Amino acid sequence: IIGGLAKSNNLMSEQEKRTVAIHESGHAVAGWMMEYADPLLKVTIVPRSSGALGFAQYLPEELALYSKEALHDKLAVILGGRAAEELFTGRITTGAADDFAKATNIALGMAQVYGMTDGVGLLSWNPQQMQEMMYKPFSEKTAQMIESEAKKIVEGQYKRVKEVLKANEAKVKALSMELFNKETLVFTDLQDVLGPRPYGVNDKYLKYIDTKAGVEMDKKEAAEAAAAAAAKNLTEESGVSGGDAVHPEETLDESSGIDQQQQQRQGDTTPDAKR
């Protein structure tokens, strides 16, 4: 199940729902406008059992090599959620924690492994190989340089995606309103609001674009979750134990889900693919 099962008990306030809609619209519009972004299939603000308050679902292309430009686009899309919050709500939230973790890993890889920064140069230290060593194979000065270069990459792409979103402010706001009202949008909905994707869509992806299946699946998952919750309550009341439900696996990729850390009302719990 992509992103977890849809939750039947939506505890988000209207303000939180609008914030999540803006956040996910930031990811969606950034991906729509980036040349090397993966095809966007669906975006939803239906909370999931995994703890995500929303997510965008992509169909990543199977590649053995990623260009520097493709990694920059991937970073920009990942950072699009926080950028949209800052630009269009006037405040930032804890919802981008998972996005930042993904962005940090990509930027560190560019600086430390792939030789994609001027400061570190054409040197490479693979973290997996370093785990087998008893010592760090570079100096503290080099470690600071790697960190500095990674930070520079992330900050550069954050600035870039903010410029893209500002130039497409009307699209972000229109999409967020549509998402707020409908909660789940599929490819054809996105195309209706955003217009044709500037860089087109590869024909081989069209067979995966189901106009309304994603919406119906969310409704089905929410109904199943409600039925499961009711059955659990009945079981607990009767003192009879039941088995665990088995859910089918999905093959499509999911990325950029807004994090529910520190936003849940109960406890402090911690709720991919070239772009």
Protein backbone atom coordinates (compact mmCIF):
# COMPACT_ATOMS: atom_id res chain seq x y z
CA ILE A 1 0.00 0.00 0.00
CA ILE A 2 1.61 3.25 -1.11
CA GLY A 3 2.28 5.53 1.87
CA GLY A 4 0.19 3.28 4.15
CA LEU A 5 -3.57 2.78 4.38
CA ALA A 6 -5.84 5.81 4.28
CA LYS A 7 -6.92 6.73 7.82
CA SER A 8 -10.61 6.76 8.57
CA ASN A 9 -10.31 9.28 11.41
CA ASN A 10 -8.95 12.52 9.95
CA LEU A 11 -7.89 14.63 12.91
CA MET A 12 -6.42 17.50 10.89
CA SER A 13 -7.82 20.96 11.49
CA GLU A 14 -8.82 23.09 8.50
CA GLN A 15 -5.63 25.15 8.85
CA GLU A 16 -3.47 22.01 8.92
CA LYS A 17 -5.29 20.64 5.88
CA ARG A 18 -4.66 23.87 3.96
CA THR A 19 -0.98 23.76 4.95
CA VAL A 20 -0.63 20.16 3.77
CA ALA A 21 -2.40 21.08 0.51
CA ILE A 22 0.08 23.93 -0.08
CA HIS A 23 3.02 21.68 0.83
CA GLU A 24 2.03 18.89 -1.55
CA SER A 25 1.16 21.40 -4.29
CA GLY A 26 4.69 22.76 -3.96
CA HIS A 27 6.11 19.31 -4.66
CA ALA A 28 3.66 18.75 -7.51
CA VAL A 29 4.19 22.06 -9.33
CA ALA A 30 7.97 21.84 -8.94
CA GLY A 31 7.95 18.34 -10.41
CA TRP A 32 5.62 19.41 -13.21
CA MET A 33 8.02 22.18 -14.25
CA MET A 34 11.34 20.30 -13.91
CA GLU A 35 12.78 18.67 -17.03
CA TYR A 36 14.22 15.61 -15.30
CA ALA A 37 11.45 15.04 -12.76
CA ASP A 38 9.77 11.64 -12.63
CA PRO A 39 6.19 11.48 -13.96
CA LEU A 40 3.74 12.51 -11.26
CA LEU A 41 0.81 10.09 -11.06
CA LYS A 42 -1.10 11.19 -7.98
CA VAL A 43 -1.03 13.66 -5.11
CA THR A 44 -3.14 13.30 -1.99
CA ILE A 45 -3.71 14.92 1.39
CA VAL A 46 -5.57 11.93 2.81
CA PRO A 47 -3.64 11.02 6.00
CA ARG A 48 -2.06 7.57 5.95
CA SER A 49 -1.58 4.92 8.60
CA SER A 50 2.20 5.36 8.18
CA GLY A 51 1.90 8.83 9.72
CA ALA A 52 2.19 10.79 6.48
CA LEU A 53 -0.31 13.64 6.20
CA GLY A 54 -0.03 13.59 2.41
CA PHE A 55 2.24 12.44 -0.38
CA ALA A 56 2.98 12.68 -4.08
CA GLN A 57 3.28 9.42 -6.03
CA TYR A 58 5.75 9.22 -8.93
CA LEU A 59 6.77 6.61 -11.47
CA PRO A 60 10.58 6.62 -11.34
CA GLU A 61 12.53 5.80 -14.47
CA GLU A 62 14.94 2.88 -14.19
CA LEU A 63 18.36 4.43 -14.80
CA ALA A 64 21.89 3.23 -14.12
CA LEU A 65 23.32 6.75 -14.32
CA TYR A 66 22.03 10.08 -13.03
CA SER A 67 23.32 13.40 -14.34
CA LYS A 68 24.15 16.32 -12.08
CA GLU A 69 21.21 18.19 -13.59
CA ALA A 70 18.85 15.31 -12.79
CA LEU A 71 19.99 15.25 -9.16
CA HIS A 72 19.49 19.01 -8.95
CA ASP A 73 15.92 18.60 -10.24
CA LYS A 74 15.32 15.80 -7.74
CA LEU A 75 16.50 18.04 -4.90
CA ALA A 76 14.37 20.95 -6.09
CA VAL A 77 11.23 18.81 -6.12
CA ILE A 78 11.98 17.37 -2.69
CA LEU A 79 12.41 20.89 -1.29
CA GLY A 80 9.31 22.23 -3.06
CA GLY A 81 7.02 21.44 -0.14
CA ARG A 82 8.86 23.56 2.43
CA ALA A 83 9.39 26.31 -0.16
CA ALA A 84 5.64 26.48 -0.83
CA GLU A 85 4.92 26.67 2.90
CA GLU A 86 7.33 29.58 3.33
CA LEU A 87 6.14 31.44 0.24
CA PHE A 88 2.39 30.98 0.45
CA THR A 89 1.48 30.44 4.10
CA GLY A 90 3.97 32.84 5.69
CA ARG A 91 5.13 30.19 8.15
CA ILE A 92 7.00 26.89 8.17
CA THR A 93 6.11 23.62 9.89
CA THR A 94 7.74 20.36 10.96
CA GLY A 95 6.23 18.58 7.96
CA ALA A 96 9.38 18.62 5.80
CA ALA A 97 11.62 16.54 8.11
CA ASP A 98 11.57 13.47 5.85
CA ASP A 99 12.15 15.67 2.79
CA PHE A 100 15.24 17.17 4.41
CA ALA A 101 16.65 13.72 5.24
CA LYS A 102 16.31 12.69 1.58
CA ALA A 103 17.84 15.96 0.35
CA THR A 104 20.77 15.63 2.77
CA ASN A 105 21.58 12.11 1.54
CA ILE A 106 21.55 13.21 -2.10
CA ALA A 107 23.69 16.29 -1.49
CA LEU A 108 26.21 14.36 0.61
CA GLY A 109 26.44 11.77 -2.15
CA MET A 110 27.15 14.47 -4.72
CA ALA A 111 29.89 15.97 -2.54
CA GLN A 112 31.43 12.85 -0.99
CA VAL A 113 30.94 10.07 -3.53
CA TYR A 114 30.22 11.35 -7.04
CA GLY A 115 32.79 14.14 -7.44
CA MET A 116 30.17 16.76 -8.30
CA THR A 117 31.50 19.72 -6.32
CA ASP A 118 34.41 22.07 -6.94
CA GLY A 119 35.42 22.24 -3.28
CA VAL A 120 35.94 18.51 -2.75
CA GLY A 121 36.87 17.81 -6.34
CA LEU A 122 37.20 14.40 -8.00
CA LEU A 123 37.55 12.43 -4.78
CA SER A 124 35.23 9.75 -3.47
CA TRP A 125 34.62 8.10 -0.11
CA ASN A 126 31.76 5.62 -0.17
CA PRO A 127 29.94 5.60 3.20
CA GLN A 128 29.34 1.83 2.98
CA GLN A 129 33.06 1.19 2.60
CA MET A 130 33.85 3.64 5.38
CA GLN A 131 31.72 1.63 7.81
CA GLU A 132 34.22 -1.24 7.47
CA MET A 133 37.16 0.99 8.38
CA MET A 134 38.36 1.64 11.90
CA TYR A 135 39.10 5.28 11.09
CA LYS A 136 37.82 8.11 8.90
CA PRO A 137 39.85 8.16 5.64
CA PHE A 138 39.93 11.96 5.46
CA SER A 139 40.80 14.87 7.70
CA GLU A 140 38.42 16.93 9.81
CA LYS A 141 39.03 19.80 7.41
CA THR A 142 37.84 17.63 4.51
CA ALA A 143 34.81 16.51 6.53
CA GLN A 144 33.89 20.15 7.08
CA MET A 145 34.39 20.82 3.36
CA ILE A 146 32.04 17.94 2.43
CA GLU A 147 29.41 19.26 4.83
CA SER A 148 29.84 22.80 3.50
CA GLU A 149 29.52 21.68 -0.13
CA ALA A 150 26.43 19.58 0.62
CA LYS A 151 24.83 22.51 2.41
CA LYS A 152 25.65 24.77 -0.54
CA ILE A 153 23.96 22.34 -2.95
CA VAL A 154 20.78 22.14 -0.87
CA GLU A 155 20.60 25.89 -0.35
CA GLY A 156 21.12 26.49 -4.07
CA GLN A 157 18.27 24.18 -5.05
CA TYR A 158 16.01 25.61 -2.35
CA LYS A 159 16.57 29.09 -3.78
CA ARG A 160 15.95 27.74 -7.28
CA VAL A 161 12.67 26.00 -6.44
CA LYS A 162 11.41 29.09 -4.63
CA GLU A 163 11.96 31.06 -7.83
CA VAL A 164 10.10 28.41 -9.86
CA LEU A 165 7.16 28.40 -7.44
CA LYS A 166 6.99 32.21 -7.28
CA ALA A 167 6.87 32.31 -11.08
CA ASN A 168 3.99 29.79 -10.93
CA GLU A 169 2.20 31.17 -7.87
CA ALA A 170 -1.24 31.07 -9.51
CA LYS A 171 -0.78 27.39 -10.38
CA VAL A 172 0.34 26.47 -6.86
CA LYS A 173 -2.64 28.22 -5.28
CA ALA A 174 -5.13 26.80 -7.79
CA LEU A 175 -3.79 23.29 -7.29
CA SER A 176 -3.80 23.59 -3.51
CA MET A 177 -7.43 24.72 -3.57
CA GLU A 178 -8.40 21.81 -5.82
CA LEU A 179 -6.47 19.44 -3.57
CA PHE A 180 -8.06 20.89 -0.43
CA ASN A 181 -11.53 20.30 -1.89
CA LYS A 182 -11.00 16.89 -3.53
CA GLU A 183 -8.19 15.56 -1.29
CA THR A 184 -6.80 13.29 -4.03
CA LEU A 185 -5.82 14.31 -7.57
CA VAL A 186 -4.62 12.05 -10.36
CA PHE A 187 -2.69 12.88 -13.54
CA THR A 188 -5.65 14.16 -15.54
CA ASP A 189 -6.71 16.41 -12.65
CA LEU A 190 -3.20 17.83 -12.47
CA GLN A 191 -3.19 18.43 -16.21
CA ASP A 192 -6.53 20.24 -16.00
CA VAL A 193 -5.16 22.66 -13.39
CA LEU A 194 -1.54 23.02 -14.51
CA GLY A 195 -1.90 22.60 -18.26
CA PRO A 196 0.32 20.34 -20.39
CA ARG A 197 3.64 19.48 -18.79
CA PRO A 198 6.32 21.71 -20.42
CA TYR A 199 8.64 18.76 -21.05
CA GLY A 200 5.88 16.35 -22.00
CA VAL A 201 5.28 12.80 -20.80
CA ASN A 202 7.03 9.78 -22.26
CA ASP A 203 4.57 7.49 -24.07
CA LYS A 204 5.74 4.48 -22.06
CA TYR A 205 4.30 6.05 -18.89
CA LEU A 206 0.83 6.64 -20.29
CA LYS A 207 -0.33 3.08 -19.56
CA TYR A 208 0.19 3.75 -15.84
CA ILE A 209 -1.99 6.85 -15.84
CA ASP A 210 -5.43 5.78 -14.62
CA THR A 211 -7.70 8.79 -14.49
CA LYS A 212 -9.74 7.99 -11.39
CA ALA A 213 -8.41 4.74 -9.96
CA GLY A 214 -6.29 6.54 -7.38
CA VAL A 215 -9.27 8.43 -5.98
CA GLU A 216 -11.41 5.31 -5.77
CA MET A 217 -8.57 3.41 -4.10
CA ASP A 218 -8.28 6.06 -1.37
CA LYS A 219 -12.03 5.82 -0.74
CA LYS A 220 -11.81 2.03 -0.61
CA GLU A 221 -8.84 2.11 1.78
CA ALA A 222 -10.61 4.57 4.08
CA ALA A 223 -13.70 2.34 4.16
CA GLU A 224 -11.57 -0.73 4.87
CA ALA A 225 -9.74 1.10 7.65
CA ALA A 226 -13.05 2.15 9.22
CA ALA A 227 -14.36 -1.43 9.02
CA ALA A 228 -11.14 -2.78 10.53
CA ALA A 229 -11.33 -0.28 13.39
CA ALA A 230 -14.95 -1.21 14.08
CA ALA A 231 -14.09 -4.92 14.02
CA LYS A 232 -11.19 -4.35 16.39
CA ASN A 233 -13.41 -2.50 18.85
CA LEU A 234 -15.98 -5.29 18.69
CA THR A 235 -13.28 -7.91 19.21
CA GLU A 236 -11.84 -6.08 22.20
CA GLU A 237 -15.29 -5.75 23.73
CA SER A 238 -16.00 -9.46 23.27
CA GLY A 239 -12.53 -10.55 24.35
CA VAL A 240 -11.88 -12.48 21.13
CA SER A 241 -8.55 -12.03 19.36
CA GLY A 242 -8.33 -11.82 15.57
CA GLY A 243 -5.58 -12.29 13.01
CA ASP A 244 -3.54 -9.64 11.25
CA ALA A 245 -4.87 -8.35 7.95
CA VAL A 246 -2.71 -8.97 4.90
CA HIS A 247 -2.56 -6.15 2.36
CA PRO A 248 -1.36 -6.41 -1.25
CA GLU A 249 1.94 -4.75 -2.11
CA GLU A 250 2.23 -1.86 -4.56
CA THR A 251 5.01 -1.53 -7.15
CA LEU A 252 4.88 2.19 -7.84
CA ASP A 253 7.12 4.60 -5.98
CA GLU A 254 6.06 7.16 -3.42
CA SER A 255 8.03 10.22 -2.39
CA SER A 256 7.88 13.56 -0.66
CA GLY A 257 5.20 12.70 1.89
CA ILE A 258 4.69 15.49 4.41
CA ASP A 259 5.87 14.29 7.81
CA GLN A 260 3.53 14.04 10.77
CA GLN A 261 6.29 14.29 13.38
CA GLN A 262 5.47 16.70 16.18
CA GLN A 263 2.09 17.45 14.56
CA GLN A 264 0.24 14.43 15.93
CA ARG A 265 -2.00 15.11 18.83
CA GLN A 266 -1.07 11.88 20.62
CA GLY A 267 2.53 11.15 21.49
CA ASP A 268 5.73 11.90 19.61
CA THR A 269 5.92 9.26 16.90
CA THR A 270 7.90 9.24 13.73
CA PRO A 271 5.64 8.53 10.98
CA ASP A 272 12.35 7.87 -3.58
CA ALA A 273 14.11 7.98 -7.78
CA LYS A 274 15.38 10.56 -9.99
CA ARG A 275 13.41 13.75 -10.24
